[in-house]
C-alpha atoms as a PDB file:
ATOM      1  CA  MET A   1     104.824  91.464 135.631  1.00  0.00           C
ATOM      2  CA  LYS A   2     104.055  93.324 133.082  1.00  0.00           C
ATOM      3  CA  PHE A   3     104.231  91.589 129.175  1.00  0.00           C
ATOM      4  CA  GLY A   4     104.914  93.938 126.463  1.00  0.00           C
ATOM      5  CA  ILE A   5     106.182  94.081 122.623  1.00  0.00           C
ATOM      6  CA  TYR A   6     108.161  96.541 120.939  1.00  0.00           C
ATOM      7  CA  TYR A   7     106.076  98.605 118.052  1.00  0.00           C
ATOM      8  CA  SER A   8     108.845  97.838 115.649  1.00  0.00           C
ATOM      9  CA  TYR A   9     107.353  94.590 114.678  1.00  0.00           C
ATOM     10  CA  TRP A  10     104.776  96.179 112.974  1.00  0.00           C
ATOM     11  CA  GLU A  11     107.352  97.977 111.396  1.00  0.00           C
ATOM     12  CA  THR A  12     109.925  98.575 108.379  1.00  0.00           C
ATOM     13  CA  GLU A  13     111.723 101.950 109.488  1.00  0.00           C
ATOM     14  CA  TRP A  14     113.550 103.074 112.704  1.00  0.00           C
ATOM     15  CA  GLY A  15     110.921 106.004 114.530  1.00  0.00           C
ATOM     16  CA  GLY A  16     108.080 107.195 113.456  1.00  0.00           C
ATOM     17  CA  ASP A  17     104.282 107.620 114.793  1.00  0.00           C
ATOM     18  CA  ALA A  18     104.221 104.919 118.477  1.00  0.00           C
ATOM     19  CA  PHE A  19     100.734 106.228 118.962  1.00  0.00           C
ATOM     20  CA  PRO A  20      98.367 103.999 116.827  1.00  0.00           C
ATOM     21  CA  TYR A  21      99.718 100.812 118.777  1.00  0.00           C
ATOM     22  CA  ILE A  22      98.597 101.921 121.707  1.00  0.00           C
ATOM     23  CA  LYS A  23      95.317 100.780 121.478  1.00  0.00           C
ATOM     24  CA  LYS A  24      96.406  98.120 119.154  1.00  0.00           C
ATOM     25  CA  VAL A  25      98.743  96.213 121.815  1.00  0.00           C
ATOM     26  CA  LYS A  26      95.960  96.596 124.570  1.00  0.00           C
ATOM     27  CA  ASP A  27      93.229  94.995 122.156  1.00  0.00           C
ATOM     28  CA  LEU A  28      96.034  92.035 121.272  1.00  0.00           C
ATOM     29  CA  GLY A  29      96.270  91.920 125.352  1.00  0.00           C
ATOM     30  CA  PHE A  30      99.405  93.145 125.905  1.00  0.00           C
ATOM     31  CA  ASP A  31     100.743  95.662 128.993  1.00  0.00           C
ATOM     32  CA  ILE A  32     103.456  97.216 127.579  1.00  0.00           C
ATOM     33  CA  LEU A  33     104.462  99.248 124.319  1.00  0.00           C
ATOM     34  CA  GLU A  34     108.284 100.108 123.945  1.00  0.00           C
ATOM     35  CA  VAL A  35     108.556 102.531 121.648  1.00  0.00           C
ATOM     36  CA  ALA A  36     111.555 103.841 119.619  1.00  0.00           C
ATOM     37  CA  CYS A  37     113.148 107.003 120.894  1.00  0.00           C
ATOM     38  CA  GLY A  38     115.757 108.034 118.687  1.00  0.00           C
ATOM     39  CA  ASP A  39     114.288 110.256 116.815  1.00  0.00           C
ATOM     40  CA  PHE A  40     112.463 112.092 120.316  1.00  0.00           C
ATOM     41  CA  ASP A  41     114.112 115.218 119.823  1.00  0.00           C
ATOM     42  CA  LYS A  42     112.595 116.108 116.552  1.00  0.00           C
ATOM     43  CA  HIS A  43     109.062 116.157 118.574  1.00  0.00           C
ATOM     44  CA  GLY A  44     107.548 118.693 120.167  1.00  0.00           C
ATOM     45  CA  ILE A  45     105.933 119.058 123.430  1.00  0.00           C
ATOM     46  CA  ASP A  46     102.377 118.275 122.575  1.00  0.00           C
ATOM     47  CA  TYR A  47     103.499 115.195 120.898  1.00  0.00           C
ATOM     48  CA  PHE A  48     104.655 113.781 124.633  1.00  0.00           C
ATOM     49  CA  CYS A  49     101.530 114.869 126.640  1.00  0.00           C
ATOM     50  CA  ALA A  50      99.173 113.657 123.290  1.00  0.00           C
ATOM     51  CA  LEU A  51     101.152 110.301 123.643  1.00  0.00           C
ATOM     52  CA  ARG A  52     100.621 109.861 127.543  1.00  0.00           C
ATOM     53  CA  LYS A  53      97.176 110.634 127.183  1.00  0.00           C
ATOM     54  CA  GLU A  54      96.185 107.367 125.036  1.00  0.00           C
ATOM     55  CA  SER A  55      98.589 105.720 126.724  1.00  0.00           C
ATOM     56  CA  GLU A  56      97.233 106.579 129.909  1.00  0.00           C
ATOM     57  CA  LYS A  57      93.113 105.993 128.671  1.00  0.00           C
ATOM     58  CA  HIS A  58      93.681 102.545 127.473  1.00  0.00           C
ATOM     59  CA  GLY A  59      96.447 101.612 130.551  1.00  0.00           C
ATOM     60  CA  ILE A  60      98.784 101.239 128.591  1.00  0.00           C
ATOM     61  CA  THR A  61     102.542 102.011 129.904  1.00  0.00           C
ATOM     62  CA  LEU A  62     104.935 102.738 127.456  1.00  0.00           C
ATOM     63  CA  THR A  63     109.184 102.189 127.893  1.00  0.00           C
ATOM     64  CA  GLY A  64     111.555 103.290 125.569  1.00  0.00           C
ATOM     65  CA  GLY A  65     114.154 101.681 123.531  1.00  0.00           C
ATOM     66  CA  TYR A  66     117.269 102.815 121.658  1.00  0.00           C
ATOM     67  CA  GLY A  67     120.793 101.591 119.772  1.00  0.00           C
ATOM     68  CA  PRO A  68     122.618 105.205 119.811  1.00  0.00           C
ATOM     69  CA  ILE A  69     124.027 105.959 116.218  1.00  0.00           C
ATOM     70  CA  ALA A  70     127.170 106.317 116.355  1.00  0.00           C
ATOM     71  CA  SER A  71     127.590 110.051 116.753  1.00  0.00           C
ATOM     72  CA  HIS A  72     126.083 109.315 120.469  1.00  0.00           C
ATOM     73  CA  ASN A  73     128.483 106.699 121.360  1.00  0.00           C
ATOM     74  CA  LEU A  74     129.732 106.826 125.150  1.00  0.00           C
ATOM     75  CA  ALA A  75     132.635 104.840 124.910  1.00  0.00           C
ATOM     76  CA  SER A  76     134.058 106.839 122.304  1.00  0.00           C
ATOM     77  CA  THR A  77     137.656 108.239 122.425  1.00  0.00           C
ATOM     78  CA  ASP A  78     136.699 111.540 120.933  1.00  0.00           C
ATOM     79  CA  SER A  79     134.692 113.921 123.641  1.00  0.00           C
ATOM     80  CA  ALA A  80     132.542 115.977 120.974  1.00  0.00           C
ATOM     81  CA  VAL A  81     131.079 112.567 120.415  1.00  0.00           C
ATOM     82  CA  VAL A  82     130.339 112.438 124.233  1.00  0.00           C
ATOM     83  CA  GLU A  83     128.856 115.890 124.810  1.00  0.00           C
ATOM     84  CA  ASN A  84     126.784 115.396 121.944  1.00  0.00           C
ATOM     85  CA  ALA A  85     125.820 112.695 123.072  1.00  0.00           C
ATOM     86  CA  LEU A  86     124.580 113.871 126.609  1.00  0.00           C
ATOM     87  CA  ALA A  87     123.542 116.822 124.878  1.00  0.00           C
ATOM     88  CA  PHE A  88     121.161 113.805 122.751  1.00  0.00           C
ATOM     89  CA  TYR A  89     119.614 112.391 126.367  1.00  0.00           C
ATOM     90  CA  GLN A  90     119.207 115.861 128.084  1.00  0.00           C
ATOM     91  CA  ASP A  91     116.624 116.898 125.202  1.00  0.00           C
ATOM     92  CA  ILE A  92     114.827 113.418 125.469  1.00  0.00           C
ATOM     93  CA  PHE A  93     114.477 112.720 128.792  1.00  0.00           C
ATOM     94  CA  PRO A  94     112.582 115.690 129.747  1.00  0.00           C
ATOM     95  CA  LYS A  95     109.678 114.700 126.830  1.00  0.00           C
ATOM     96  CA  MET A  96     110.288 110.883 128.242  1.00  0.00           C
ATOM     97  CA  GLN A  97     109.150 111.817 131.845  1.00  0.00           C
ATOM     98  CA  MET A  98     106.536 114.036 129.832  1.00  0.00           C
ATOM     99  CA  ALA A  99     105.105 110.835 127.703  1.00  0.00           C
ATOM    100  CA  GLY A 100     105.287 109.064 130.911  1.00  0.00           C
ATOM    101  CA  ILE A 101     108.296 106.743 130.361  1.00  0.00           C
ATOM    102  CA  GLN A 102     110.633 105.577 133.003  1.00  0.00           C
ATOM    103  CA  SER A 103     112.942 103.672 131.408  1.00  0.00           C
ATOM    104  CA  LEU A 104     115.129 102.917 128.638  1.00  0.00           C
ATOM    105  CA  GLY A 105     117.121 100.266 126.939  1.00  0.00           C
ATOM    106  CA  GLY A 106     119.611  99.154 124.158  1.00  0.00           C
ATOM    107  CA  ALA A 107     123.100  99.736 123.454  1.00  0.00           C
ATOM    108  CA  LEU A 108     123.622 102.713 125.439  1.00  0.00           C
ATOM    109  CA  TYR A 109     126.885 102.246 126.344  1.00  0.00           C
ATOM    110  CA  HIS A 110     128.617 102.849 123.075  1.00  0.00           C
ATOM    111  CA  TYR A 111     126.630 102.717 119.887  1.00  0.00           C
ATOM    112  CA  TRP A 112     124.781 100.226 117.149  1.00  0.00           C
ATOM    113  CA  PRO A 113     125.154  98.738 115.056  1.00  0.00           C
ATOM    114  CA  VAL A 114     128.672  98.583 115.577  1.00  0.00           C
ATOM    115  CA  ASN A 115     131.113  98.845 113.153  1.00  0.00           C
ATOM    116  CA  PHE A 116     133.810  96.087 113.370  1.00  0.00           C
ATOM    117  CA  ASN A 117     136.515  97.602 110.284  1.00  0.00           C
ATOM    118  CA  GLY A 118     136.818 100.493 113.253  1.00  0.00           C
ATOM    119  CA  GLU A 119     139.342 100.559 115.801  1.00  0.00           C
ATOM    120  CA  ILE A 120     138.197  98.785 118.779  1.00  0.00           C
ATOM    121  CA  ASP A 121     139.936  98.184 122.215  1.00  0.00           C
ATOM    122  CA  LYS A 122     137.376  97.024 124.171  1.00  0.00           C
ATOM    123  CA  PRO A 123     139.078  97.187 128.185  1.00  0.00           C
ATOM    124  CA  ARG A 124     139.964 101.287 127.377  1.00  0.00           C
ATOM    125  CA  ASP A 125     136.607 101.478 125.855  1.00  0.00           C
ATOM    126  CA  LEU A 126     134.711  99.872 128.930  1.00  0.00           C
ATOM    127  CA  GLN A 127     136.023 101.935 131.157  1.00  0.00           C
ATOM    128  CA  ILE A 128     135.267 105.713 128.780  1.00  0.00           C
ATOM    129  CA  SER A 129     131.724 103.773 128.604  1.00  0.00           C
ATOM    130  CA  ILE A 130     132.251 103.031 132.453  1.00  0.00           C
ATOM    131  CA  ASN A 131     132.923 106.613 133.389  1.00  0.00           C
ATOM    132  CA  ASN A 132     130.276 108.201 131.217  1.00  0.00           C
ATOM    133  CA  MET A 133     127.543 106.140 132.022  1.00  0.00           C
ATOM    134  CA  LYS A 134     127.621 107.530 135.377  1.00  0.00           C
ATOM    135  CA  ARG A 135     127.306 111.418 133.881  1.00  0.00           C
ATOM    136  CA  LEU A 136     124.314 109.257 132.306  1.00  0.00           C
ATOM    137  CA  ALA A 137     122.574 107.934 135.404  1.00  0.00           C
ATOM    138  CA  ASP A 138     123.221 111.276 136.896  1.00  0.00           C
ATOM    139  CA  LEU A 139     121.052 113.115 134.420  1.00  0.00           C
ATOM    140  CA  ALA A 140     119.225 109.892 134.153  1.00  0.00           C
ATOM    141  CA  ALA A 141     117.524 110.462 137.790  1.00  0.00           C
ATOM    142  CA  ARG A 142     116.660 113.686 137.409  1.00  0.00           C
ATOM    143  CA  TYR A 143     113.450 112.543 135.322  1.00  0.00           C
ATOM    144  CA  GLU A 144     113.449 109.069 137.084  1.00  0.00           C
ATOM    145  CA  ILE A 145     113.834 107.119 134.395  1.00  0.00           C
ATOM    146  CA  THR A 146     115.999 103.954 134.688  1.00  0.00           C
ATOM    147  CA  LEU A 147     118.496 102.977 132.550  1.00  0.00           C
ATOM    148  CA  ASN A 148     118.635  99.557 130.693  1.00  0.00           C
ATOM    149  CA  MET A 149     122.105  98.227 129.896  1.00  0.00           C
ATOM    150  CA  GLU A 150     121.507  95.263 127.077  1.00  0.00           C
ATOM    151  CA  VAL A 151     123.615  92.614 126.611  1.00  0.00           C
ATOM    152  CA  LEU A 152     123.572  91.737 123.188  1.00  0.00           C
ATOM    153  CA  ASN A 153     125.582  89.090 120.635  1.00  0.00           C
ATOM    154  CA  ARG A 154     128.947  89.209 119.512  1.00  0.00           C
ATOM    155  CA  PHE A 155     127.752  90.293 116.137  1.00  0.00           C
ATOM    156  CA  GLU A 156     126.311  93.201 117.122  1.00  0.00           C
ATOM    157  CA  GLY A 157     128.218  94.114 119.577  1.00  0.00           C
ATOM    158  CA  TYR A 158     131.266  93.800 121.229  1.00  0.00           C
ATOM    159  CA  MET A 159     131.101  95.628 124.713  1.00  0.00           C
ATOM    160  CA  LEU A 160     128.852  93.090 126.866  1.00  0.00           C
ATOM    161  CA  ASN A 161     128.012  89.962 125.882  1.00  0.00           C
ATOM    162  CA  VAL A 162     127.480  87.610 127.869  1.00  0.00           C
ATOM    163  CA  ALA A 163     125.241  88.375 131.208  1.00  0.00           C
ATOM    164  CA  SER A 164     127.908  88.207 133.299  1.00  0.00           C
ATOM    165  CA  GLU A 165     129.520  91.464 131.286  1.00  0.00           C
ATOM    166  CA  GLY A 166     126.442  92.950 132.344  1.00  0.00           C
ATOM    167  CA  VAL A 167     126.798  92.689 135.596  1.00  0.00           C
ATOM    168  CA  ALA A 168     130.466  93.890 135.834  1.00  0.00           C
ATOM    169  CA  TYR A 169     129.661  97.122 134.041  1.00  0.00           C
ATOM    170  CA  VAL A 170     126.510  98.130 136.297  1.00  0.00           C
ATOM    171  CA  ASP A 171     128.519  96.689 139.343  1.00  0.00           C
ATOM    172  CA  ALA A 172     130.792  99.051 137.871  1.00  0.00           C
ATOM    173  CA  VAL A 173     128.754 101.509 137.574  1.00  0.00           C
ATOM    174  CA  ALA A 174     127.468 101.730 140.804  1.00  0.00           C
ATOM    175  CA  LYS A 175     124.241 104.325 140.310  1.00  0.00           C
ATOM    176  CA  SER A 176     120.582 102.653 141.556  1.00  0.00           C
ATOM    177  CA  ASN A 177     119.315 103.912 137.672  1.00  0.00           C
ATOM    178  CA  VAL A 178     121.725 101.666 136.148  1.00  0.00           C
ATOM    179  CA  LYS A 179     120.517  97.995 134.899  1.00  0.00           C
ATOM    180  CA  VAL A 180     121.171  94.666 132.712  1.00  0.00           C
ATOM    181  CA  MET A 181     118.396  93.976 129.668  1.00  0.00           C
ATOM    182  CA  LEU A 182     119.264  90.801 128.801  1.00  0.00           C
ATOM    183  CA  ASP A 183     117.585  89.463 125.509  1.00  0.00           C
ATOM    184  CA  THR A 184     116.536  85.403 124.804  1.00  0.00           C
ATOM    185  CA  PHE A 185     117.742  86.123 121.419  1.00  0.00           C
ATOM    186  CA  HIS A 186     121.190  87.083 121.723  1.00  0.00           C
ATOM    187  CA  MET A 187     121.468  85.013 124.902  1.00  0.00           C
ATOM    188  CA  ASN A 188     121.006  81.914 122.469  1.00  0.00           C
ATOM    189  CA  ILE A 189     123.609  82.630 120.927  1.00  0.00           C
ATOM    190  CA  GLU A 190     126.408  83.858 123.400  1.00  0.00           C
ATOM    191  CA  GLU A 191     125.014  82.399 127.136  1.00  0.00           C
ATOM    192  CA  ASP A 192     125.972  78.232 128.087  1.00  0.00           C
ATOM    193  CA  SER A 193     122.488  78.678 130.027  1.00  0.00           C
ATOM    194  CA  LEU A 194     119.822  80.443 129.412  1.00  0.00           C
ATOM    195  CA  ILE A 195     118.800  79.358 133.095  1.00  0.00           C
ATOM    196  CA  ASP A 196     122.622  80.701 134.784  1.00  0.00           C
ATOM    197  CA  ALA A 197     122.629  83.470 133.131  1.00  0.00           C
ATOM    198  CA  LEU A 198     119.245  84.851 134.979  1.00  0.00           C
ATOM    199  CA  ARG A 199     120.200  83.669 137.969  1.00  0.00           C
ATOM    200  CA  LEU A 200     123.289  85.617 138.017  1.00  0.00           C
ATOM    201  CA  VAL A 201     121.583  88.716 137.083  1.00  0.00           C
ATOM    202  CA  GLY A 202     119.040  88.356 139.435  1.00  0.00           C
ATOM    203  CA  LYS A 203     117.956  91.522 141.210  1.00  0.00           C
ATOM    204  CA  ASN A 204     120.139  93.646 138.201  1.00  0.00           C
ATOM    205  CA  LEU A 205     117.847  92.875 135.771  1.00  0.00           C
ATOM    206  CA  GLY A 206     115.800  95.816 135.012  1.00  0.00           C
ATOM    207  CA  GLU A 207     113.596  94.153 131.655  1.00  0.00           C
ATOM    208  CA  LEU A 208     113.846  90.900 130.003  1.00  0.00           C
ATOM    209  CA  HIS A 209     113.247  91.041 126.082  1.00  0.00           C
ATOM    210  CA  ILE A 210     112.361  87.842 125.044  1.00  0.00           C
ATOM    211  CA  GLY A 211     111.975  85.902 121.331  1.00  0.00           C
ATOM    212  CA  GLU A 212     112.737  82.859 119.388  1.00  0.00           C
ATOM    213  CA  PRO A 213     116.068  81.926 118.392  1.00  0.00           C
ATOM    214  CA  ASN A 214     115.406  83.389 115.030  1.00  0.00           C
ATOM    215  CA  ARG A 215     113.496  86.635 115.940  1.00  0.00           C
ATOM    216  CA  ARG A 216     109.654  85.245 115.704  1.00  0.00           C
ATOM    217  CA  PRO A 217     107.845  85.583 118.428  1.00  0.00           C
ATOM    218  CA  PRO A 218     107.622  83.314 121.345  1.00  0.00           C
ATOM    219  CA  HIS A 219     105.295  80.303 121.241  1.00  0.00           C
ATOM    220  CA  LEU A 220     106.759  79.376 117.522  1.00  0.00           C
ATOM    221  CA  GLY A 221     110.328  77.857 118.768  1.00  0.00           C
ATOM    222  CA  ARG A 222     112.245  76.420 120.499  1.00  0.00           C
ATOM    223  CA  MET A 223     113.024  78.430 123.966  1.00  0.00           C
ATOM    224  CA  PRO A 224     112.421  77.248 127.671  1.00  0.00           C
ATOM    225  CA  TRP A 225     109.494  79.173 128.652  1.00  0.00           C
ATOM    226  CA  GLN A 226     108.458  77.402 131.306  1.00  0.00           C
ATOM    227  CA  GLU A 227     112.368  77.064 132.854  1.00  0.00           C
ATOM    228  CA  ILE A 228     112.450  80.457 132.561  1.00  0.00           C
ATOM    229  CA  GLY A 229     109.179  81.598 134.362  1.00  0.00           C
ATOM    230  CA  LYS A 230     110.506  79.589 137.124  1.00  0.00           C
ATOM    231  CA  VAL A 231     113.640  80.919 137.591  1.00  0.00           C
ATOM    232  CA  PHE A 232     112.058  84.890 137.606  1.00  0.00           C
ATOM    233  CA  LYS A 233     110.115  82.739 140.622  1.00  0.00           C
ATOM    234  CA  GLU A 234     113.183  82.034 142.561  1.00  0.00           C
ATOM    235  CA  VAL A 235     115.132  85.399 142.500  1.00  0.00           C
ATOM    236  CA  GLY A 236     111.660  87.289 142.579  1.00  0.00           C
ATOM    237  CA  PHE A 237     112.052  89.157 139.185  1.00  0.00           C
ATOM    238  CA  ASP A 238     108.696  91.325 138.418  1.00  0.00           C
ATOM    239  CA  GLY A 239     109.587  93.757 135.834  1.00  0.00           C
ATOM    240  CA  ASN A 240     108.636  94.256 132.378  1.00  0.00           C
ATOM    241  CA  VAL A 241     109.353  91.229 129.472  1.00  0.00           C
ATOM    242  CA  VAL A 242     109.109  93.494 126.443  1.00  0.00           C
ATOM    243  CA  MET A 243     108.986  90.645 123.267  1.00  0.00           C
ATOM    244  CA  GLU A 244     111.364  92.043 120.761  1.00  0.00           C
ATOM    245  CA  PRO A 245     110.297  90.109 117.455  1.00  0.00           C
ATOM    246  CA  PHE A 246     111.311  90.958 113.754  1.00  0.00           C
ATOM    247  CA  VAL A 247     109.884  88.715 111.261  1.00  0.00           C
ATOM    248  CA  LEU A 248     109.558  91.423 108.093  1.00  0.00           C
ATOM    249  CA  MET A 249     111.513  91.798 105.472  1.00  0.00           C
ATOM    250  CA  GLY A 250     112.668  95.812 103.809  1.00  0.00           C
ATOM    251  CA  GLY A 251     113.395  99.236 105.046  1.00  0.00           C
ATOM    252  CA  GLN A 252     116.007  99.915 107.806  1.00  0.00           C
ATOM    253  CA  VAL A 253     114.920  97.574 110.223  1.00  0.00           C
ATOM    254  CA  GLY A 254     115.147  94.744 107.463  1.00  0.00           C
ATOM    255  CA  ARG A 255     118.548  95.731 106.803  1.00  0.00           C
ATOM    256  CA  ASP A 256     120.222  96.316 110.155  1.00  0.00           C
ATOM    257  CA  ILE A 257     118.313  93.656 112.047  1.00  0.00           C
ATOM    258  CA  GLN A 258     118.977  91.455 108.910  1.00  0.00           C
ATOM    259  CA  ILE A 259     115.878  89.984 107.981  1.00  0.00           C
ATOM    260  CA  TRP A 260     116.402  88.210 104.390  1.00  0.00           C
ATOM    261  CA  ARG A 261     113.442  86.270 104.355  1.00  0.00           C
ATOM    262  CA  GLU A 262     109.698  86.656 105.380  1.00  0.00           C
ATOM    263  CA  LEU A 263     109.327  85.359 108.721  1.00  0.00           C
ATOM    264  CA  ALA A 264     105.535  86.001 108.655  1.00  0.00           C
ATOM    265  CA  LYS A 265     103.323  87.427 106.494  1.00  0.00           C
ATOM    266  CA  PRO A 266     101.741  91.083 107.033  1.00  0.00           C
ATOM    267  CA  ASP A 267      97.846  89.796 107.670  1.00  0.00           C
ATOM    268  CA  GLU A 268      99.909  87.761 110.452  1.00  0.00           C
ATOM    269  CA  LEU A 269     101.409  89.887 113.213  1.00  0.00           C
ATOM    270  CA  ASN A 270      98.381  90.733 115.089  1.00  0.00           C
ATOM    271  CA  GLN A 271      97.297  86.955 115.620  1.00  0.00           C
ATOM    272  CA  LEU A 272     100.813  85.767 115.940  1.00  0.00           C
ATOM    273  CA  ALA A 273     101.131  88.200 119.205  1.00  0.00           C
ATOM    274  CA  SER A 274      97.704  87.927 120.443  1.00  0.00           C
ATOM    275  CA  ASP A 275      98.733  84.130 120.429  1.00  0.00           C
ATOM    276  CA  ALA A 276     102.150  85.089 121.730  1.00  0.00           C
ATOM    277  CA  VAL A 277     101.438  87.197 124.719  1.00  0.00           C
ATOM    278  CA  ALA A 278      98.628  84.619 126.020  1.00  0.00           C
ATOM    279  CA  PHE A 279     101.378  81.613 125.763  1.00  0.00           C
ATOM    280  CA  ILE A 280     103.293  83.774 127.538  1.00  0.00           C
ATOM    281  CA  ARG A 281     101.059  84.684 130.418  1.00  0.00           C
ATOM    282  CA  SER A 282     100.171  80.933 130.657  1.00  0.00           C
ATOM    283  CA  SER A 283     104.293  79.668 130.490  1.00  0.00           C
ATOM    284  CA  PHE A 284     105.019  81.808 133.124  1.00  0.00           C
ATOM    285  CA  ALA A 285     102.329  81.370 135.509  1.00  0.00           C
ATOM    286  CA  ASN A 286     102.181  77.942 135.084  1.00  0.00           C
ATOM    287  CA  ALA A 287     105.636  77.825 135.494  1.00  0.00           C
END
């Protein structure tokens, strides 16, 4: 099992250069740096070759995250939007491969954050998304990329809110490189039992995002970390576990995540991250 952290823990804007964080996360005790892929279409080939070289130098695995913008909505009834989304992924997948990024997670099945004032027809949108995800999965397979469908809480998405919906979606797509991504923050809102949800997903779990209920790093709240470690041993999960804490006010990140109070001071971030990964390693090992 590998443990990682999303680079936006330190940032207040999406996108940007993840390069400086590779050595940082290694020094803090992580195995993985998850990077935002939403602006990969704006970078040249040299950038991705440099990312791979730097990650290999420090022994860090890179994974990708993306909350698709509305014009990349695979559940859209507008075929032009769908084709625009597929063109975007066609651009970034070979770049991800150059950088050594073999997985991409997020609300790839629709878009984020959702405009709940618009028209929502869940059964219709689900079927459109499933049909288009099959196309995207075939495209991703050319570059040996796994797509992880992140199950979101009801305030951020409407299509996949609980683990059972994630499993049903992945089963309907029926592609070996399409998996479920769970996130303890969203699960804490929607699931009757975190443990039962993890057990249900089982072999379909591609990656787990972790954090406390208020989005602080693990170790500072009330999540049942040892119980989660026990169910991982039970189902044989040995994949990526990536922290996705958000603690800073300001910028587009703060607005999108709705951080309205500082949950940590900037000069505390490195120590909190280091303490969190040491705690999670110990909790899972001793589960």
